[in-house]
Structures are given as structure tokens and as C-alpha cells.
Amino acid sequence: VYDISNKRRLGLTEFEAIQEMRKG
């Protein structure tokens, strides 16, 4: 079991960050 999360927090919106995590 691994913890997988979005890496980027700066230079993008909250919505873009959540979409990056979702697609990943």
C-alpha cells in the first residue's frame, strides 16, 4: 500500500492540482 499524491502546489490552481492527482 502506497500513499500517492499530487507533487505540484505552486503555479497552478486548486482545481488543476486535484485534476493532476486524479489523472495520476
mmCIF file of all heavy atoms, coordinates in Angstrom:
data_MODEL
# 
_entry.id   MODEL 
# 
loop_
_atom_site.group_PDB 
_atom_site.id 
_atom_site.type_symbol 
_atom_site.label_atom_id 
_atom_site.label_alt_id 
_atom_site.label_comp_id 
_atom_site.label_asym_id 
_atom_site.label_entity_id 
_atom_site.label_seq_id 
_atom_site.pdbx_PDB_ins_code 
_atom_site.Cartn_x 
_atom_site.Cartn_y 
_atom_site.Cartn_z 
_atom_site.occupancy 
_atom_site.B_iso_or_equiv 
_atom_site.pdbx_formal_charge 
_atom_site.auth_seq_id 
_atom_site.auth_comp_id 
_atom_site.auth_asym_id 
_atom_site.auth_atom_id 
_atom_site.pdbx_PDB_model_num 
ATOM 1   N N   . VAL A 1 1  ? 0.851   -1.196 0.000   1.00 0.00 ? 1  VAL A N   1 
ATOM 2   C CA  . VAL A 1 1  ? 0.000   0.000  0.000   1.00 0.00 ? 1  VAL A CA  1 
ATOM 3   C C   . VAL A 1 1  ? 0.886   1.245  0.000   1.00 0.00 ? 1  VAL A C   1 
ATOM 4   O O   . VAL A 1 1  ? 1.794   1.375  0.829   1.00 0.00 ? 1  VAL A O   1 
ATOM 5   C CB  . VAL A 1 1  ? -0.941  0.029  1.235   1.00 0.00 ? 1  VAL A CB  1 
ATOM 6   C CG1 . VAL A 1 1  ? -1.759  1.315  1.253   1.00 0.00 ? 1  VAL A CG1 1 
ATOM 7   C CG2 . VAL A 1 1  ? -1.870  -1.176 1.236   1.00 0.00 ? 1  VAL A CG2 1 
ATOM 8   N N   . TYR A 1 2  ? 0.618   2.147  -0.942  1.00 0.00 ? 2  TYR A N   1 
ATOM 9   C CA  . TYR A 1 2  ? 1.392   3.389  -1.043  1.00 0.00 ? 2  TYR A CA  1 
ATOM 10  C C   . TYR A 1 2  ? 0.486   4.605  -0.922  1.00 0.00 ? 2  TYR A C   1 
ATOM 11  O O   . TYR A 1 2  ? -0.712  4.530  -1.197  1.00 0.00 ? 2  TYR A O   1 
ATOM 12  C CB  . TYR A 1 2  ? 2.138   3.446  -2.391  1.00 0.00 ? 2  TYR A CB  1 
ATOM 13  C CG  . TYR A 1 2  ? 3.400   2.619  -2.379  1.00 0.00 ? 2  TYR A CG  1 
ATOM 14  C CD1 . TYR A 1 2  ? 3.332   1.242  -2.566  1.00 0.00 ? 2  TYR A CD1 1 
ATOM 15  C CD2 . TYR A 1 2  ? 4.641   3.198  -2.154  1.00 0.00 ? 2  TYR A CD2 1 
ATOM 16  C CE1 . TYR A 1 2  ? 4.478   0.462  -2.533  1.00 0.00 ? 2  TYR A CE1 1 
ATOM 17  C CE2 . TYR A 1 2  ? 5.798   2.428  -2.122  1.00 0.00 ? 2  TYR A CE2 1 
ATOM 18  C CZ  . TYR A 1 2  ? 5.710   1.063  -2.311  1.00 0.00 ? 2  TYR A CZ  1 
ATOM 19  O OH  . TYR A 1 2  ? 6.846   0.304  -2.258  1.00 0.00 ? 2  TYR A OH  1 
ATOM 20  N N   . ASP A 1 3  ? 1.103   5.692  -0.520  1.00 0.00 ? 3  ASP A N   1 
ATOM 21  C CA  . ASP A 1 3  ? 0.426   6.991  -0.469  1.00 0.00 ? 3  ASP A CA  1 
ATOM 22  C C   . ASP A 1 3  ? 0.820   7.711  -1.750  1.00 0.00 ? 3  ASP A C   1 
ATOM 23  O O   . ASP A 1 3  ? 1.987   8.017  -1.969  1.00 0.00 ? 3  ASP A O   1 
ATOM 24  C CB  . ASP A 1 3  ? 0.926   7.745  0.779   1.00 0.00 ? 3  ASP A CB  1 
ATOM 25  C CG  . ASP A 1 3  ? 0.365   9.155  0.882   1.00 0.00 ? 3  ASP A CG  1 
ATOM 26  O OD1 . ASP A 1 3  ? 0.537   9.939  -0.081  1.00 0.00 ? 3  ASP A OD1 1 
ATOM 27  O OD2 . ASP A 1 3  ? -0.200  9.503  1.921   1.00 0.00 ? 3  ASP A OD2 1 
ATOM 28  N N   . ILE A 1 4  ? -0.151  7.957  -2.619  1.00 0.00 ? 4  ILE A N   1 
ATOM 29  C CA  . ILE A 1 4  ? 0.116   8.640  -3.901  1.00 0.00 ? 4  ILE A CA  1 
ATOM 30  C C   . ILE A 1 4  ? -0.540  10.015 -3.852  1.00 0.00 ? 4  ILE A C   1 
ATOM 31  O O   . ILE A 1 4  ? -1.732  10.135 -3.557  1.00 0.00 ? 4  ILE A O   1 
ATOM 32  C CB  . ILE A 1 4  ? -0.498  7.848  -5.083  1.00 0.00 ? 4  ILE A CB  1 
ATOM 33  C CG1 . ILE A 1 4  ? 0.065   6.420  -5.147  1.00 0.00 ? 4  ILE A CG1 1 
ATOM 34  C CG2 . ILE A 1 4  ? -0.304  8.597  -6.403  1.00 0.00 ? 4  ILE A CG2 1 
ATOM 35  C CD1 . ILE A 1 4  ? 1.387   6.270  -5.829  1.00 0.00 ? 4  ILE A CD1 1 
ATOM 36  N N   . SER A 1 5  ? 0.248   11.067 -4.119  1.00 0.00 ? 5  SER A N   1 
ATOM 37  C CA  . SER A 1 5  ? -0.314  12.431 -4.033  1.00 0.00 ? 5  SER A CA  1 
ATOM 38  C C   . SER A 1 5  ? 0.202   13.318 -5.159  1.00 0.00 ? 5  SER A C   1 
ATOM 39  O O   . SER A 1 5  ? 1.170   12.977 -5.839  1.00 0.00 ? 5  SER A O   1 
ATOM 40  C CB  . SER A 1 5  ? 0.054   13.059 -2.684  1.00 0.00 ? 5  SER A CB  1 
ATOM 41  O OG  . SER A 1 5  ? 1.464   13.219 -2.596  1.00 0.00 ? 5  SER A OG  1 
ATOM 42  N N   . ASN A 1 6  ? -0.465  14.466 -5.317  1.00 0.00 ? 6  ASN A N   1 
ATOM 43  C CA  . ASN A 1 6  ? -0.001  15.455 -6.296  1.00 0.00 ? 6  ASN A CA  1 
ATOM 44  C C   . ASN A 1 6  ? 1.317   16.048 -5.814  1.00 0.00 ? 6  ASN A C   1 
ATOM 45  O O   . ASN A 1 6  ? 1.508   16.281 -4.627  1.00 0.00 ? 6  ASN A O   1 
ATOM 46  C CB  . ASN A 1 6  ? -1.034  16.576 -6.476  1.00 0.00 ? 6  ASN A CB  1 
ATOM 47  C CG  . ASN A 1 6  ? -1.311  17.329 -5.182  1.00 0.00 ? 6  ASN A CG  1 
ATOM 48  O OD1 . ASN A 1 6  ? -1.713  16.734 -4.178  1.00 0.00 ? 6  ASN A OD1 1 
ATOM 49  N ND2 . ASN A 1 6  ? -1.084  18.636 -5.171  1.00 0.00 ? 6  ASN A ND2 1 
ATOM 50  N N   . LYS A 1 7  ? 2.217   16.299 -6.728  1.00 0.00 ? 7  LYS A N   1 
ATOM 51  C CA  . LYS A 1 7  ? 3.534   16.820 -6.353  1.00 0.00 ? 7  LYS A CA  1 
ATOM 52  C C   . LYS A 1 7  ? 3.561   18.344 -6.411  1.00 0.00 ? 7  LYS A C   1 
ATOM 53  O O   . LYS A 1 7  ? 4.232   18.991 -5.629  1.00 0.00 ? 7  LYS A O   1 
ATOM 54  C CB  . LYS A 1 7  ? 4.564   16.250 -7.327  1.00 0.00 ? 7  LYS A CB  1 
ATOM 55  C CG  . LYS A 1 7  ? 5.946   16.118 -6.733  1.00 0.00 ? 7  LYS A CG  1 
ATOM 56  C CD  . LYS A 1 7  ? 6.821   15.296 -7.652  1.00 0.00 ? 7  LYS A CD  1 
ATOM 57  C CE  . LYS A 1 7  ? 8.204   15.140 -7.055  1.00 0.00 ? 7  LYS A CE  1 
ATOM 58  N NZ  . LYS A 1 7  ? 9.041   14.319 -7.917  1.00 0.00 ? 7  LYS A NZ  1 
ATOM 59  N N   . ARG A 1 8  ? 2.835   18.906 -7.378  1.00 0.00 ? 8  ARG A N   1 
ATOM 60  C CA  . ARG A 1 8  ? 2.940   20.362 -7.603  1.00 0.00 ? 8  ARG A CA  1 
ATOM 61  C C   . ARG A 1 8  ? 1.893   21.126 -6.790  1.00 0.00 ? 8  ARG A C   1 
ATOM 62  O O   . ARG A 1 8  ? 0.729   20.740 -6.738  1.00 0.00 ? 8  ARG A O   1 
ATOM 63  C CB  . ARG A 1 8  ? 2.761   20.668 -9.094  1.00 0.00 ? 8  ARG A CB  1 
ATOM 64  C CG  . ARG A 1 8  ? 3.790   19.957 -9.960  1.00 0.00 ? 8  ARG A CG  1 
ATOM 65  C CD  . ARG A 1 8  ? 3.927   20.576 -11.313 1.00 0.00 ? 8  ARG A CD  1 
ATOM 66  N NE  . ARG A 1 8  ? 2.663   20.655 -12.040 1.00 0.00 ? 8  ARG A NE  1 
ATOM 67  C CZ  . ARG A 1 8  ? 2.424   21.529 -13.032 1.00 0.00 ? 8  ARG A CZ  1 
ATOM 68  N NH1 . ARG A 1 8  ? 3.347   22.396 -13.376 1.00 0.00 ? 8  ARG A NH1 1 
ATOM 69  N NH2 . ARG A 1 8  ? 1.269   21.516 -13.651 1.00 0.00 ? 8  ARG A NH2 1 
ATOM 70  N N   . ARG A 1 9  ? 2.328   22.210 -6.152  1.00 0.00 ? 9  ARG A N   1 
ATOM 71  C CA  . ARG A 1 9  ? 1.390   23.052 -5.413  1.00 0.00 ? 9  ARG A CA  1 
ATOM 72  C C   . ARG A 1 9  ? 1.418   24.508 -5.849  1.00 0.00 ? 9  ARG A C   1 
ATOM 73  O O   . ARG A 1 9  ? 0.531   25.269 -5.555  1.00 0.00 ? 9  ARG A O   1 
ATOM 74  C CB  . ARG A 1 9  ? 1.721   23.040 -3.919  1.00 0.00 ? 9  ARG A CB  1 
ATOM 75  C CG  . ARG A 1 9  ? 1.997   21.695 -3.352  1.00 0.00 ? 9  ARG A CG  1 
ATOM 76  C CD  . ARG A 1 9  ? 1.846   21.673 -1.852  1.00 0.00 ? 9  ARG A CD  1 
ATOM 77  N NE  . ARG A 1 9  ? 2.687   20.700 -1.201  1.00 0.00 ? 9  ARG A NE  1 
ATOM 78  C CZ  . ARG A 1 9  ? 2.616   19.398 -1.404  1.00 0.00 ? 9  ARG A CZ  1 
ATOM 79  N NH1 . ARG A 1 9  ? 1.742   18.908 -2.248  1.00 0.00 ? 9  ARG A NH1 1 
ATOM 80  N NH2 . ARG A 1 9  ? 3.425   18.574 -0.770  1.00 0.00 ? 9  ARG A NH2 1 
ATOM 81  N N   . LEU A 1 10 ? 2.503   24.888 -6.524  1.00 0.00 ? 10 LEU A N   1 
ATOM 82  C CA  . LEU A 1 10 ? 2.705   26.296 -6.881  1.00 0.00 ? 10 LEU A CA  1 
ATOM 83  C C   . LEU A 1 10 ? 2.564   26.497 -8.385  1.00 0.00 ? 10 LEU A C   1 
ATOM 84  O O   . LEU A 1 10 ? 3.025   25.671 -9.170  1.00 0.00 ? 10 LEU A O   1 
ATOM 85  C CB  . LEU A 1 10 ? 4.110   26.734 -6.435  1.00 0.00 ? 10 LEU A CB  1 
ATOM 86  C CG  . LEU A 1 10 ? 4.493   28.186 -6.692  1.00 0.00 ? 10 LEU A CG  1 
ATOM 87  C CD1 . LEU A 1 10 ? 3.689   29.129 -5.811  1.00 0.00 ? 10 LEU A CD1 1 
ATOM 88  C CD2 . LEU A 1 10 ? 5.983   28.412 -6.451  1.00 0.00 ? 10 LEU A CD2 1 
ATOM 89  N N   . GLY A 1 11 ? 1.905   27.600 -8.787  1.00 0.00 ? 11 GLY A N   1 
ATOM 90  C CA  . GLY A 1 11 ? 1.819   27.931 -10.205 1.00 0.00 ? 11 GLY A CA  1 
ATOM 91  C C   . GLY A 1 11 ? 0.643   27.292 -10.919 1.00 0.00 ? 11 GLY A C   1 
ATOM 92  O O   . GLY A 1 11 ? 0.548   27.327 -12.138 1.00 0.00 ? 11 GLY A O   1 
ATOM 93  N N   . LEU A 1 12 ? -0.266  26.682 -10.144 1.00 0.00 ? 12 LEU A N   1 
ATOM 94  C CA  . LEU A 1 12 ? -1.469  26.099 -10.742 1.00 0.00 ? 12 LEU A CA  1 
ATOM 95  C C   . LEU A 1 12 ? -2.620  26.288 -9.766  1.00 0.00 ? 12 LEU A C   1 
ATOM 96  O O   . LEU A 1 12 ? -2.401  26.562 -8.585  1.00 0.00 ? 12 LEU A O   1 
ATOM 97  C CB  . LEU A 1 12 ? -1.253  24.621 -11.095 1.00 0.00 ? 12 LEU A CB  1 
ATOM 98  C CG  . LEU A 1 12 ? -1.170  23.564 -9.986  1.00 0.00 ? 12 LEU A CG  1 
ATOM 99  C CD1 . LEU A 1 12 ? -1.086  22.169 -10.613 1.00 0.00 ? 12 LEU A CD1 1 
ATOM 100 C CD2 . LEU A 1 12 ? -0.021  23.753 -9.042  1.00 0.00 ? 12 LEU A CD2 1 
ATOM 101 N N   . THR A 1 13 ? -3.848  26.172 -10.253 1.00 0.00 ? 13 THR A N   1 
ATOM 102 C CA  . THR A 1 13 ? -4.999  26.373 -9.362  1.00 0.00 ? 13 THR A CA  1 
ATOM 103 C C   . THR A 1 13 ? -5.262  25.096 -8.559  1.00 0.00 ? 13 THR A C   1 
ATOM 104 O O   . THR A 1 13 ? -4.750  24.021 -8.883  1.00 0.00 ? 13 THR A O   1 
ATOM 105 C CB  . THR A 1 13 ? -6.281  26.697 -10.160 1.00 0.00 ? 13 THR A CB  1 
ATOM 106 O OG1 . THR A 1 13 ? -6.618  25.540 -10.952 1.00 0.00 ? 13 THR A OG1 1 
ATOM 107 C CG2 . THR A 1 13 ? -6.108  27.911 -11.053 1.00 0.00 ? 13 THR A CG2 1 
ATOM 108 N N   . GLU A 1 14 ? -6.094  25.229 -7.542  1.00 0.00 ? 14 GLU A N   1 
ATOM 109 C CA  . GLU A 1 14 ? -6.502  24.065 -6.738  1.00 0.00 ? 14 GLU A CA  1 
ATOM 110 C C   . GLU A 1 14 ? -7.149  23.008 -7.628  1.00 0.00 ? 14 GLU A C   1 
ATOM 111 O O   . GLU A 1 14 ? -6.892  21.814 -7.476  1.00 0.00 ? 14 GLU A O   1 
ATOM 112 C CB  . GLU A 1 14 ? -7.500  24.497 -5.647  1.00 0.00 ? 14 GLU A CB  1 
ATOM 113 C CG  . GLU A 1 14 ? -6.908  25.303 -4.524  1.00 0.00 ? 14 GLU A CG  1 
ATOM 114 C CD  . GLU A 1 14 ? -6.662  26.775 -4.848  1.00 0.00 ? 14 GLU A CD  1 
ATOM 115 O OE1 . GLU A 1 14 ? -6.982  27.233 -5.977  1.00 0.00 ? 14 GLU A OE1 1 
ATOM 116 O OE2 . GLU A 1 14 ? -6.142  27.471 -3.962  1.00 0.00 ? 14 GLU A OE2 1 
ATOM 117 N N   . PHE A 1 15 ? -7.977  23.477 -8.556  1.00 0.00 ? 15 PHE A N   1 
ATOM 118 C CA  . PHE A 1 15 ? -8.682  22.547 -9.444  1.00 0.00 ? 15 PHE A CA  1 
ATOM 119 C C   . PHE A 1 15 ? -7.689  21.794 -10.338 1.00 0.00 ? 15 PHE A C   1 
ATOM 120 O O   . PHE A 1 15 ? -7.816  20.594 -10.553 1.00 0.00 ? 15 PHE A O   1 
ATOM 121 C CB  . PHE A 1 15 ? -9.712  23.307 -10.293 1.00 0.00 ? 15 PHE A CB  1 
ATOM 122 C CG  . PHE A 1 15 ? -10.626 22.404 -11.080 1.00 0.00 ? 15 PHE A CG  1 
ATOM 123 C CD1 . PHE A 1 15 ? -11.380 21.437 -10.441 1.00 0.00 ? 15 PHE A CD1 1 
ATOM 124 C CD2 . PHE A 1 15 ? -10.733 22.519 -12.469 1.00 0.00 ? 15 PHE A CD2 1 
ATOM 125 C CE1 . PHE A 1 15 ? -12.235 20.585 -11.166 1.00 0.00 ? 15 PHE A CE1 1 
ATOM 126 C CE2 . PHE A 1 15 ? -11.573 21.684 -13.194 1.00 0.00 ? 15 PHE A CE2 1 
ATOM 127 C CZ  . PHE A 1 15 ? -12.329 20.718 -12.536 1.00 0.00 ? 15 PHE A CZ  1 
ATOM 128 N N   . GLU A 1 16 ? -6.668  22.516 -10.826 1.00 0.00 ? 16 GLU A N   1 
ATOM 129 C CA  . GLU A 1 16 ? -5.654  21.854 -11.660 1.00 0.00 ? 16 GLU A CA  1 
ATOM 130 C C   . GLU A 1 16 ? -4.850  20.839 -10.835 1.00 0.00 ? 16 GLU A C   1 
ATOM 131 O O   . GLU A 1 16 ? -4.508  19.761 -11.318 1.00 0.00 ? 16 GLU A O   1 
ATOM 132 C CB  . GLU A 1 16 ? -4.713  22.900 -12.276 1.00 0.00 ? 16 GLU A CB  1 
ATOM 133 C CG  . GLU A 1 16 ? -5.359  23.685 -13.400 1.00 0.00 ? 16 GLU A CG  1 
ATOM 134 C CD  . GLU A 1 16 ? -4.577  24.929 -13.810 1.00 0.00 ? 16 GLU A CD  1 
ATOM 135 O OE1 . GLU A 1 16 ? -3.789  25.456 -13.006 1.00 0.00 ? 16 GLU A OE1 1 
ATOM 136 O OE2 . GLU A 1 16 ? -4.779  25.377 -14.947 1.00 0.00 ? 16 GLU A OE2 1 
ATOM 137 N N   . ALA A 1 17 ? -4.573  21.186 -9.574  1.00 0.00 ? 17 ALA A N   1 
ATOM 138 C CA  . ALA A 1 17 ? -3.811  20.273 -8.706  1.00 0.00 ? 17 ALA A CA  1 
ATOM 139 C C   . ALA A 1 17 ? -4.603  18.990 -8.447  1.00 0.00 ? 17 ALA A C   1 
ATOM 140 O O   . ALA A 1 17 ? -4.057  17.880 -8.493  1.00 0.00 ? 17 ALA A O   1 
ATOM 141 C CB  . ALA A 1 17 ? -3.468  20.959 -7.387  1.00 0.00 ? 17 ALA A CB  1 
ATOM 142 N N   . ILE A 1 18 ? -5.898  19.147 -8.202  1.00 0.00 ? 18 ILE A N   1 
ATOM 143 C CA  . ILE A 1 18 ? -6.723  17.967 -7.912  1.00 0.00 ? 18 ILE A CA  1 
ATOM 144 C C   . ILE A 1 18 ? -6.871  17.101 -9.172  1.00 0.00 ? 18 ILE A C   1 
ATOM 145 O O   . ILE A 1 18 ? -6.871  15.872 -9.105  1.00 0.00 ? 18 ILE A O   1 
ATOM 146 C CB  . ILE A 1 18 ? -8.105  18.375 -7.314  1.00 0.00 ? 18 ILE A CB  1 
ATOM 147 C CG1 . ILE A 1 18 ? -8.646  17.243 -6.413  1.00 0.00 ? 18 ILE A CG1 1 
ATOM 148 C CG2 . ILE A 1 18 ? -9.158  18.679 -8.343  1.00 0.00 ? 18 ILE A CG2 1 
ATOM 149 C CD1 . ILE A 1 18 ? -8.206  17.294 -5.008  1.00 0.00 ? 18 ILE A CD1 1 
ATOM 150 N N   . GLN A 1 19 ? -6.944  17.755 -10.334 1.00 0.00 ? 19 GLN A N   1 
ATOM 151 C CA  . GLN A 1 19 ? -7.050  17.001 -11.594 1.00 0.00 ? 19 GLN A CA  1 
ATOM 152 C C   . GLN A 1 19 ? -5.747  16.251 -11.884 1.00 0.00 ? 19 GLN A C   1 
ATOM 153 O O   . GLN A 1 19 ? -5.768  15.134 -12.406 1.00 0.00 ? 19 GLN A O   1 
ATOM 154 C CB  . GLN A 1 19 ? -7.365  17.953 -12.766 1.00 0.00 ? 19 GLN A CB  1 
ATOM 155 C CG  . GLN A 1 19 ? -8.776  18.517 -12.752 1.00 0.00 ? 19 GLN A CG  1 
ATOM 156 C CD  . GLN A 1 19 ? -9.840  17.495 -13.131 1.00 0.00 ? 19 GLN A CD  1 
ATOM 157 O OE1 . GLN A 1 19 ? -9.706  16.300 -12.875 1.00 0.00 ? 19 GLN A OE1 1 
ATOM 158 N NE2 . GLN A 1 19 ? -10.927 17.951 -13.720 1.00 0.00 ? 19 GLN A NE2 1 
ATOM 159 N N   . GLU A 1 20 ? -4.626  16.854 -11.534 1.00 0.00 ? 20 GLU A N   1 
ATOM 160 C CA  . GLU A 1 20 ? -3.336  16.194 -11.748 1.00 0.00 ? 20 GLU A CA  1 
ATOM 161 C C   . GLU A 1 20 ? -3.246  14.925 -10.904 1.00 0.00 ? 20 GLU A C   1 
ATOM 162 O O   . GLU A 1 20 ? -2.794  13.880 -11.353 1.00 0.00 ? 20 GLU A O   1 
ATOM 163 C CB  . GLU A 1 20 ? -2.192  17.157 -11.363 1.00 0.00 ? 20 GLU A CB  1 
ATOM 164 C CG  . GLU A 1 20 ? -1.216  17.311 -12.484 1.00 0.00 ? 20 GLU A CG  1 
ATOM 165 C CD  . GLU A 1 20 ? -0.219  18.447 -12.316 1.00 0.00 ? 20 GLU A CD  1 
ATOM 166 O OE1 . GLU A 1 20 ? 0.399   18.591 -11.249 1.00 0.00 ? 20 GLU A OE1 1 
ATOM 167 O OE2 . GLU A 1 20 ? -0.046  19.202 -13.291 1.00 0.00 ? 20 GLU A OE2 1 
ATOM 168 N N   . MET A 1 21 ? -3.693  15.053 -9.649  1.00 0.00 ? 21 MET A N   1 
ATOM 169 C CA  . MET A 1 21 ? -3.686  13.892 -8.761  1.00 0.00 ? 21 MET A CA  1 
ATOM 170 C C   . MET A 1 21 ? -4.647  12.820 -9.294  1.00 0.00 ? 21 MET A C   1 
ATOM 171 O O   . MET A 1 21 ? -4.316  11.640 -9.370  1.00 0.00 ? 21 MET A O   1 
ATOM 172 C CB  . MET A 1 21 ? -4.087  14.344 -7.353  1.00 0.00 ? 21 MET A CB  1 
ATOM 173 C CG  . MET A 1 21 ? -4.260  13.227 -6.348  1.00 0.00 ? 21 MET A CG  1 
ATOM 174 S SD  . MET A 1 21 ? -5.999  12.682 -6.272  1.00 0.00 ? 21 MET A SD  1 
ATOM 175 C CE  . MET A 1 21 ? -6.009  11.770 -4.743  1.00 0.00 ? 21 MET A CE  1 
ATOM 176 N N   . ARG A 1 22 ? -5.851  13.243 -9.698  1.00 0.00 ? 22 ARG A N   1 
ATOM 177 C CA  . ARG A 1 22 ? -6.853  12.287 -10.189 1.00 0.00 ? 22 ARG A CA  1 
ATOM 178 C C   . ARG A 1 22 ? -6.329  11.514 -11.408 1.00 0.00 ? 22 ARG A C   1 
ATOM 179 O O   . ARG A 1 22 ? -6.388  10.278 -11.453 1.00 0.00 ? 22 ARG A O   1 
ATOM 180 C CB  . ARG A 1 22 ? -8.124  13.027 -10.599 1.00 0.00 ? 22 ARG A CB  1 
ATOM 181 C CG  . ARG A 1 22 ? -9.091  12.138 -11.385 1.00 0.00 ? 22 ARG A CG  1 
ATOM 182 C CD  . ARG A 1 22 ? -10.276 12.897 -11.914 1.00 0.00 ? 22 ARG A CD  1 
ATOM 183 N NE  . ARG A 1 22 ? -10.025 13.686 -13.085 1.00 0.00 ? 22 ARG A NE  1 
ATOM 184 C CZ  . ARG A 1 22 ? -10.389 13.346 -14.332 1.00 0.00 ? 22 ARG A CZ  1 
ATOM 185 N NH1 . ARG A 1 22 ? -11.004 12.209 -14.546 1.00 0.00 ? 22 ARG A NH1 1 
ATOM 186 N NH2 . ARG A 1 22 ? -10.160 14.143 -15.337 1.00 0.00 ? 22 ARG A NH2 1 
ATOM 187 N N   . LYS A 1 23 ? -5.794  12.251 -12.387 1.00 0.00 ? 23 LYS A N   1 
ATOM 188 C CA  . LYS A 1 23 ? -5.302  11.591 -13.610 1.00 0.00 ? 23 LYS A CA  1 
ATOM 189 C C   . LYS A 1 23 ? -4.145  10.656 -13.286 1.00 0.00 ? 23 LYS A C   1 
ATOM 190 O O   . LYS A 1 23 ? -4.032  9.565  -13.850 1.00 0.00 ? 23 LYS A O   1 
ATOM 191 C CB  . LYS A 1 23 ? -4.886  12.632 -14.643 1.00 0.00 ? 23 LYS A CB  1 
ATOM 192 C CG  . LYS A 1 23 ? -6.102  13.310 -15.268 1.00 0.00 ? 23 LYS A CG  1 
ATOM 193 C CD  . LYS A 1 23 ? -5.723  14.504 -16.122 1.00 0.00 ? 23 LYS A CD  1 
ATOM 194 C CE  . LYS A 1 23 ? -6.985  15.219 -16.614 1.00 0.00 ? 23 LYS A CE  1 
ATOM 195 N NZ  . LYS A 1 23 ? -6.759  16.627 -16.937 1.00 0.00 ? 23 LYS A NZ  1 
ATOM 196 N N   . GLY A 1 24 ? -3.297  11.098 -12.347 1.00 0.00 ? 24 GLY A N   1 
ATOM 197 C CA  . GLY A 1 24 ? -2.165  10.262 -11.936 1.00 0.00 ? 24 GLY A CA  1 
ATOM 198 C C   . GLY A 1 24 ? -2.636  8.958  -11.317 1.00 0.00 ? 24 GLY A C   1 
ATOM 199 O O   . GLY A 1 24 ? -2.137  7.874  -11.646 1.00 0.00 ? 24 GLY A O   1 
# 
